[in-house]
PDB file of all heavy atoms in Angstrom:
ATOM      1  N   MET A   1       0.816  -1.191  -0.023  1.00  0.00           N
ATOM      2  CA  MET A   1      -0.033   0.049  -0.045  1.00  0.00           C
ATOM      3  C   MET A   1       0.789   1.303  -0.011  1.00  0.00           C
ATOM      4  O   MET A   1       0.290   2.406   0.060  1.00  0.00           O
ATOM      5  CB  MET A   1      -0.966  -0.037   1.262  1.00  0.00           C
ATOM      6  CG  MET A   1      -1.843  -1.113   1.125  1.00  0.00           C
ATOM      7  SD  MET A   1      -3.192  -1.040   2.580  1.00  0.00           S
ATOM      8  CE  MET A   1      -2.217  -1.335   3.981  1.00  0.00           C
ATOM      9  N   ASP A   2       2.258   1.160  -0.008  1.00  0.00           N
ATOM     10  CA  ASP A   2       3.110   2.187   0.087  1.00  0.00           C
ATOM     11  C   ASP A   2       2.796   3.107   1.258  1.00  0.00           C
ATOM     12  O   ASP A   2       2.562   4.420   1.052  1.00  0.00           O
ATOM     13  CB  ASP A   2       3.112   2.903  -1.255  1.00  0.00           C
ATOM     14  CG  ASP A   2       4.238   3.885  -1.358  1.00  0.00           C
ATOM     15  OD1 ASP A   2       5.255   3.724  -0.774  1.00  0.00           O
ATOM     16  OD2 ASP A   2       4.103   4.896  -2.079  1.00  0.00           O
ATOM     17  N   VAL A   3       2.705   2.560   2.468  1.00  0.00           N
ATOM     18  CA  VAL A   3       2.451   3.409   3.632  1.00  0.00           C
ATOM     19  C   VAL A   3       3.702   3.061   4.660  1.00  0.00           C
ATOM     20  O   VAL A   3       4.263   1.950   4.447  1.00  0.00           O
ATOM     21  CB  VAL A   3       1.066   3.078   4.267  1.00  0.00           C
ATOM     22  CG1 VAL A   3      -0.015   3.448   3.162  1.00  0.00           C
ATOM     23  CG2 VAL A   3       0.985   1.684   4.732  1.00  0.00           C
ATOM     24  N   SER A   4       3.778   3.891   5.637  1.00  0.00           N
ATOM     25  CA  SER A   4       4.709   3.534   6.597  1.00  0.00           C
ATOM     26  C   SER A   4       4.062   3.752   8.087  1.00  0.00           C
ATOM     27  O   SER A   4       2.878   4.260   8.158  1.00  0.00           O
ATOM     28  CB  SER A   4       5.854   4.587   6.582  1.00  0.00           C
ATOM     29  OG  SER A   4       5.248   5.898   6.751  1.00  0.00           O
ATOM     30  N   GLY A   5       4.735   3.187   8.997  1.00  0.00           N
ATOM     31  CA  GLY A   5       4.019   3.103  10.283  1.00  0.00           C
ATOM     32  C   GLY A   5       4.247   4.375  11.120  1.00  0.00           C
ATOM     33  O   GLY A   5       5.345   5.114  10.936  1.00  0.00           O
ATOM     34  N   ASP A   6       3.258   4.866  11.894  1.00  0.00           N
ATOM     35  CA  ASP A   6       3.409   6.140  12.673  1.00  0.00           C
ATOM     36  C   ASP A   6       3.889   5.647  14.108  1.00  0.00           C
ATOM     37  O   ASP A   6       3.300   4.613  14.752  1.00  0.00           O
ATOM     38  CB  ASP A   6       1.963   6.568  12.945  1.00  0.00           C
ATOM     39  CG  ASP A   6       1.946   7.904  13.726  1.00  0.00           C
ATOM     40  OD1 ASP A   6       2.866   8.000  14.699  1.00  0.00           O
ATOM     41  OD2 ASP A   6       1.069   8.797  13.438  1.00  0.00           O
ATOM     42  N   PRO A   7       5.055   6.132  14.556  1.00  0.00           N
ATOM     43  CA  PRO A   7       5.576   5.738  15.810  1.00  0.00           C
ATOM     44  C   PRO A   7       4.584   5.706  16.965  1.00  0.00           C
ATOM     45  O   PRO A   7       4.792   5.024  17.979  1.00  0.00           O
ATOM     46  CB  PRO A   7       6.743   6.749  16.111  1.00  0.00           C
ATOM     47  CG  PRO A   7       7.014   7.264  14.689  1.00  0.00           C
ATOM     48  CD  PRO A   7       5.693   7.187  13.898  1.00  0.00           C
ATOM     49  N   GLN A   8       3.569   6.539  16.880  1.00  0.00           N
ATOM     50  CA  GLN A   8       2.623   6.554  17.978  1.00  0.00           C
ATOM     51  C   GLN A   8       1.414   5.614  17.876  1.00  0.00           C
ATOM     52  O   GLN A   8       0.571   5.621  18.679  1.00  0.00           O
ATOM     53  CB  GLN A   8       2.159   8.176  18.139  1.00  0.00           C
ATOM     54  CG  GLN A   8       3.214   9.117  18.319  1.00  0.00           C
ATOM     55  CD  GLN A   8       2.495  10.504  18.494  1.00  0.00           C
ATOM     56  OE1 GLN A   8       1.515  10.669  19.151  1.00  0.00           O
ATOM     57  NE2 GLN A   8       3.236  11.468  17.938  1.00  0.00           N
ATOM     58  N   LEU A   9       1.404   4.959  16.670  1.00  0.00           N
ATOM     59  CA  LEU A   9       0.235   4.049  16.538  1.00  0.00           C
ATOM     60  C   LEU A   9       0.782   2.612  16.475  1.00  0.00           C
ATOM     61  O   LEU A   9       1.206   2.116  15.557  1.00  0.00           O
ATOM     62  CB  LEU A   9      -0.425   4.412  15.131  1.00  0.00           C
ATOM     63  CG  LEU A   9      -1.033   5.728  15.023  1.00  0.00           C
ATOM     64  CD1 LEU A   9      -1.614   5.941  13.584  1.00  0.00           C
ATOM     65  CD2 LEU A   9      -2.085   5.898  16.084  1.00  0.00           C
ATOM     66  N   LEU A  10       0.725   1.938  17.642  1.00  0.00           N
ATOM     67  CA  LEU A  10       1.221   0.516  17.763  1.00  0.00           C
ATOM     68  C   LEU A  10       0.003  -0.428  17.807  1.00  0.00           C
ATOM     69  O   LEU A  10      -1.014  -0.182  18.534  1.00  0.00           O
ATOM     70  CB  LEU A  10       1.936   0.313  19.025  1.00  0.00           C
ATOM     71  CG  LEU A  10       3.460   0.757  18.932  1.00  0.00           C
ATOM     72  CD1 LEU A  10       4.166   0.488  20.312  1.00  0.00           C
ATOM     73  CD2 LEU A  10       4.188   0.009  17.876  1.00  0.00           C
ATOM     74  N   LEU A  11       0.088  -1.449  17.100  1.00  0.00           N
ATOM     75  CA  LEU A  11      -1.073  -2.494  17.189  1.00  0.00           C
ATOM     76  C   LEU A  11      -0.888  -3.222  18.451  1.00  0.00           C
ATOM     77  O   LEU A  11       0.132  -3.342  18.914  1.00  0.00           O
ATOM     78  CB  LEU A  11      -0.853  -3.456  16.020  1.00  0.00           C
ATOM     79  CG  LEU A  11      -1.287  -3.007  14.546  1.00  0.00           C
ATOM     80  CD1 LEU A  11      -0.716  -3.955  13.591  1.00  0.00           C
ATOM     81  CD2 LEU A  11      -2.692  -2.719  14.429  1.00  0.00           C
ATOM     82  N   ASN A  12      -1.928  -3.686  18.815  1.00  0.00           N
ATOM     83  CA  ASN A  12      -1.940  -4.536  20.033  1.00  0.00           C
ATOM     84  C   ASN A  12      -1.254  -5.757  19.703  1.00  0.00           C
ATOM     85  O   ASN A  12      -1.478  -6.366  18.667  1.00  0.00           O
ATOM     86  CB  ASN A  12      -3.328  -4.819  20.606  1.00  0.00           C
ATOM     87  CG  ASN A  12      -4.053  -3.667  21.328  1.00  0.00           C
ATOM     88  OD1 ASN A  12      -3.298  -2.893  21.883  1.00  0.00           O
ATOM     89  ND2 ASN A  12      -5.217  -3.564  21.129  1.00  0.00           N
ATOM     90  N   PRO A  13      -0.216  -6.371  20.406  1.00  0.00           N
ATOM     91  CA  PRO A  13       0.377  -7.573  20.073  1.00  0.00           C
ATOM     92  C   PRO A  13      -0.640  -8.833  19.942  1.00  0.00           C
ATOM     93  O   PRO A  13      -1.642  -8.680  20.691  1.00  0.00           O
ATOM     94  CB  PRO A  13       1.426  -7.871  21.166  1.00  0.00           C
ATOM     95  CG  PRO A  13       0.960  -7.044  22.217  1.00  0.00           C
ATOM     96  CD  PRO A  13       0.184  -5.862  21.725  1.00  0.00           C
ATOM     97  N   ALA A  14      -0.431  -9.699  19.107  1.00  0.00           N
ATOM     98  CA  ALA A  14      -1.240 -10.861  19.054  1.00  0.00           C
ATOM     99  C   ALA A  14      -1.407 -11.429  20.429  1.00  0.00           C
ATOM    100  O   ALA A  14      -0.485 -11.577  21.390  1.00  0.00           O
ATOM    101  CB  ALA A  14      -0.631 -11.960  18.253  1.00  0.00           C
ATOM    102  N   GLY A  15      -2.733 -11.831  20.867  1.00  0.00           N
ATOM    103  CA  GLY A  15      -3.034 -12.353  22.217  1.00  0.00           C
ATOM    104  C   GLY A  15      -2.320 -13.653  22.569  1.00  0.00           C
ATOM    105  O   GLY A  15      -2.115 -13.863  23.741  1.00  0.00           O
ATOM    106  N   SER A  16      -2.064 -14.400  21.570  1.00  0.00           N
ATOM    107  CA  SER A  16      -1.333 -15.675  21.865  1.00  0.00           C
ATOM    108  C   SER A  16      -0.324 -15.852  20.702  1.00  0.00           C
ATOM    109  O   SER A  16      -0.236 -15.031  19.740  1.00  0.00           O
ATOM    110  CB  SER A  16      -2.135 -16.803  22.047  1.00  0.00           C
ATOM    111  OG  SER A  16      -3.066 -16.974  20.839  1.00  0.00           O
ATOM    112  N   SER A  17       0.470 -16.934  20.783  1.00  0.00           N
ATOM    113  CA  SER A  17       1.278 -17.284  19.475  1.00  0.00           C
ATOM    114  C   SER A  17       1.321 -18.643  19.380  1.00  0.00           C
ATOM    115  O   SER A  17       1.913 -19.462  20.145  1.00  0.00           O
ATOM    116  CB  SER A  17       2.744 -16.710  19.973  1.00  0.00           C
ATOM    117  OG  SER A  17       3.638 -16.951  18.803  1.00  0.00           O
ATOM    118  N   LYS A  18       0.587 -19.081  18.355  1.00  0.00           N
ATOM    119  CA  LYS A  18       0.547 -20.461  18.041  1.00  0.00           C
ATOM    120  C   LYS A  18       0.343 -20.609  16.533  1.00  0.00           C
ATOM    121  O   LYS A  18       0.013 -19.756  15.781  1.00  0.00           O
ATOM    122  CB  LYS A  18      -0.683 -21.176  18.713  1.00  0.00           C
ATOM    123  CG  LYS A  18      -1.908 -20.350  18.458  1.00  0.00           C
ATOM    124  CD  LYS A  18      -3.164 -20.970  19.289  1.00  0.00           C
ATOM    125  CE  LYS A  18      -4.380 -20.263  19.212  1.00  0.00           C
ATOM    126  NZ  LYS A  18      -4.308 -18.972  20.042  1.00  0.00           N
ATOM    127  N   ARG A  19       0.602 -21.893  16.053  1.00  0.00           N
ATOM    128  CA  ARG A  19       0.563 -22.185  14.581  1.00  0.00           C
ATOM    129  C   ARG A  19      -0.463 -23.171  14.413  1.00  0.00           C
ATOM    130  O   ARG A  19      -0.323 -24.335  14.940  1.00  0.00           O
ATOM    131  CB  ARG A  19       1.845 -22.544  14.080  1.00  0.00           C
ATOM    132  CG  ARG A  19       2.839 -21.290  13.925  1.00  0.00           C
ATOM    133  CD  ARG A  19       4.200 -21.803  13.397  1.00  0.00           C
ATOM    134  NE  ARG A  19       4.914 -22.558  14.624  1.00  0.00           N
ATOM    135  CZ  ARG A  19       6.217 -22.983  14.395  1.00  0.00           C
ATOM    136  NH1 ARG A  19       6.771 -22.949  13.135  1.00  0.00           N
ATOM    137  NH2 ARG A  19       6.949 -23.499  15.328  1.00  0.00           N
ATOM    138  N   CYS A  20      -1.632 -22.914  13.852  1.00  0.00           N
ATOM    139  CA  CYS A  20      -2.814 -23.871  13.846  1.00  0.00           C
ATOM    140  C   CYS A  20      -2.739 -24.558  12.551  1.00  0.00           C
ATOM    141  O   CYS A  20      -2.461 -24.001  11.338  1.00  0.00           O
ATOM    142  CB  CYS A  20      -4.063 -22.940  13.844  1.00  0.00           C
ATOM    143  SG  CYS A  20      -4.377 -22.173  15.508  1.00  0.00           S
ATOM    144  N   SER A  21      -2.952 -25.857  12.636  1.00  0.00           N
ATOM    145  CA  SER A  21      -2.970 -26.738  11.450  1.00  0.00           C
ATOM    146  C   SER A  21      -4.261 -27.001  10.825  1.00  0.00           C
ATOM    147  O   SER A  21      -5.136 -27.302  11.516  1.00  0.00           O
ATOM    148  CB  SER A  21      -2.204 -28.072  11.784  1.00  0.00           C
ATOM    149  OG  SER A  21      -2.351 -28.972  10.761  1.00  0.00           O
ATOM    150  N   ASN A  22      -4.347 -26.962   9.456  1.00  0.00           N
ATOM    151  CA  ASN A  22      -5.656 -27.326   8.867  1.00  0.00           C
ATOM    152  C   ASN A  22      -5.663 -28.733   8.222  1.00  0.00           C
ATOM    153  O   ASN A  22      -6.414 -29.017   7.295  1.00  0.00           O
ATOM    154  CB  ASN A  22      -6.135 -26.244   7.870  1.00  0.00           C
ATOM    155  CG  ASN A  22      -5.080 -26.181   6.619  1.00  0.00           C
ATOM    156  OD1 ASN A  22      -4.192 -27.120   6.516  1.00  0.00           O
ATOM    157  ND2 ASN A  22      -5.075 -25.235   5.946  1.00  0.00           N
ATOM    158  N   ARG A  23      -4.676 -29.578   8.662  1.00  0.00           N
ATOM    159  CA  ARG A  23      -4.527 -30.823   8.048  1.00  0.00           C
ATOM    160  C   ARG A  23      -5.832 -31.647   8.062  1.00  0.00           C
ATOM    161  O   ARG A  23      -6.002 -32.393   7.033  1.00  0.00           O
ATOM    162  CB  ARG A  23      -3.339 -31.604   8.749  1.00  0.00           C
ATOM    163  CG  ARG A  23      -2.822 -32.901   8.082  1.00  0.00           C
ATOM    164  CD  ARG A  23      -1.761 -33.668   8.774  1.00  0.00           C
ATOM    165  NE  ARG A  23      -0.573 -32.787   8.653  1.00  0.00           N
ATOM    166  CZ  ARG A  23       0.471 -32.965   9.310  1.00  0.00           C
ATOM    167  NH1 ARG A  23       0.545 -34.167  10.076  1.00  0.00           N
ATOM    168  NH2 ARG A  23       1.529 -32.199   9.187  1.00  0.00           N
ATOM    169  N   LEU A  24      -6.523 -31.785   9.127  1.00  0.00           N
ATOM    170  CA  LEU A  24      -7.724 -32.558   9.231  1.00  0.00           C
ATOM    171  C   LEU A  24      -8.741 -31.964   8.316  1.00  0.00           C
ATOM    172  O   LEU A  24      -9.353 -32.951   7.518  1.00  0.00           O
ATOM    173  CB  LEU A  24      -8.276 -32.557  10.637  1.00  0.00           C
ATOM    174  CG  LEU A  24      -9.457 -33.468  10.740  1.00  0.00           C
ATOM    175  CD1 LEU A  24      -9.139 -34.988  10.586  1.00  0.00           C
ATOM    176  CD2 LEU A  24      -9.911 -33.437  12.147  1.00  0.00           C
ATOM    177  N   ALA A  25      -8.955 -30.718   8.192  1.00  0.00           N
ATOM    178  CA  ALA A  25      -9.888 -30.224   7.241  1.00  0.00           C
ATOM    179  C   ALA A  25      -9.499 -30.480   5.818  1.00  0.00           C
ATOM    180  O   ALA A  25     -10.392 -30.735   5.002  1.00  0.00           O
ATOM    181  CB  ALA A  25     -10.114 -28.631   7.482  1.00  0.00           C
ATOM    182  N   ARG A  26      -8.273 -30.361   5.545  1.00  0.00           N
ATOM    183  CA  ARG A  26      -7.857 -30.601   4.157  1.00  0.00           C
ATOM    184  C   ARG A  26      -8.003 -32.171   3.829  1.00  0.00           C
ATOM    185  O   ARG A  26      -8.338 -32.479   2.653  1.00  0.00           O
ATOM    186  CB  ARG A  26      -6.254 -30.222   3.930  1.00  0.00           C
ATOM    187  CG  ARG A  26      -6.160 -28.714   3.605  1.00  0.00           C
ATOM    188  CD  ARG A  26      -4.618 -28.532   3.353  1.00  0.00           C
ATOM    189  NE  ARG A  26      -4.452 -27.327   2.541  1.00  0.00           N
ATOM    190  CZ  ARG A  26      -4.410 -27.307   1.228  1.00  0.00           C
ATOM    191  NH1 ARG A  26      -4.802 -28.420   0.511  1.00  0.00           N
ATOM    192  NH2 ARG A  26      -4.293 -26.251   0.542  1.00  0.00           N
ATOM    193  N   SER A  27      -7.920 -32.996   4.833  1.00  0.00           N
ATOM    194  CA  SER A  27      -8.106 -34.445   4.498  1.00  0.00           C
ATOM    195  C   SER A  27      -9.463 -34.831   4.081  1.00  0.00           C
ATOM    196  O   SER A  27      -9.746 -35.816   3.638  1.00  0.00           O
ATOM    197  CB  SER A  27      -7.722 -35.209   5.757  1.00  0.00           C
ATOM    198  OG  SER A  27      -8.727 -35.034   6.774  1.00  0.00           O
ATOM    199  N   THR A  28     -10.444 -33.893   4.242  1.00  0.00           N
ATOM    200  CA  THR A  28     -11.857 -34.221   3.861  1.00  0.00           C
ATOM    201  C   THR A  28     -12.012 -33.746   2.380  1.00  0.00           C
ATOM    202  O   THR A  28     -13.214 -33.967   1.874  1.00  0.00           O
ATOM    203  CB  THR A  28     -12.877 -33.338   4.735  1.00  0.00           C
ATOM    204  OG1 THR A  28     -12.642 -31.835   4.447  1.00  0.00           O
ATOM    205  CG2 THR A  28     -12.612 -33.624   6.255  1.00  0.00           C
ATOM    206  N   GLY A  29     -11.062 -33.107   1.792  1.00  0.00           N
ATOM    207  CA  GLY A  29     -11.240 -32.681   0.463  1.00  0.00           C
ATOM    208  C   GLY A  29     -11.413 -31.243   0.234  1.00  0.00           C
ATOM    209  O   GLY A  29     -11.398 -30.729  -0.828  1.00  0.00           O
ATOM    210  N   TRP A  30     -11.477 -30.564   1.426  1.00  0.00           N
ATOM    211  CA  TRP A  30     -11.487 -29.073   1.383  1.00  0.00           C
ATOM    212  C   TRP A  30     -10.107 -28.430   1.236  1.00  0.00           C
ATOM    213  O   TRP A  30      -9.088 -29.022   1.625  1.00  0.00           O
ATOM    214  CB  TRP A  30     -12.129 -28.520   2.655  1.00  0.00           C
ATOM    215  CG  TRP A  30     -12.022 -27.057   2.806  1.00  0.00           C
ATOM    216  CD1 TRP A  30     -12.937 -26.055   2.257  1.00  0.00           C
ATOM    217  CD2 TRP A  30     -10.986 -26.347   3.583  1.00  0.00           C
ATOM    218  NE1 TRP A  30     -12.511 -24.835   2.667  1.00  0.00           N
ATOM    219  CE2 TRP A  30     -11.374 -24.893   3.479  1.00  0.00           C
ATOM    220  CE3 TRP A  30      -9.961 -26.636   4.305  1.00  0.00           C
ATOM    221  CZ2 TRP A  30     -10.613 -23.853   4.101  1.00  0.00           C
ATOM    222  CZ3 TRP A  30      -9.209 -25.658   5.006  1.00  0.00           C
ATOM    223  CH2 TRP A  30      -9.502 -24.312   4.829  1.00  0.00           C
ATOM    224  N   ALA A  31     -10.061 -27.361   0.548  1.00  0.00           N
ATOM    225  CA  ALA A  31      -8.770 -26.635   0.435  1.00  0.00           C
ATOM    226  C   ALA A  31      -9.129 -25.130   0.313  1.00  0.00           C
ATOM    227  O   ALA A  31     -10.000 -24.744  -0.295  1.00  0.00           O
ATOM    228  CB  ALA A  31      -8.002 -27.073  -0.835  1.00  0.00           C
TER     229      ALA A  31
END
């Protein structure tokens, strides 16, 4: 988007940190 961050505008950090797997959903034929 050709924008830069404003030092005074910080996003809230992610509430947790995990990597979720969609392997089971994909095994049904969904993608």
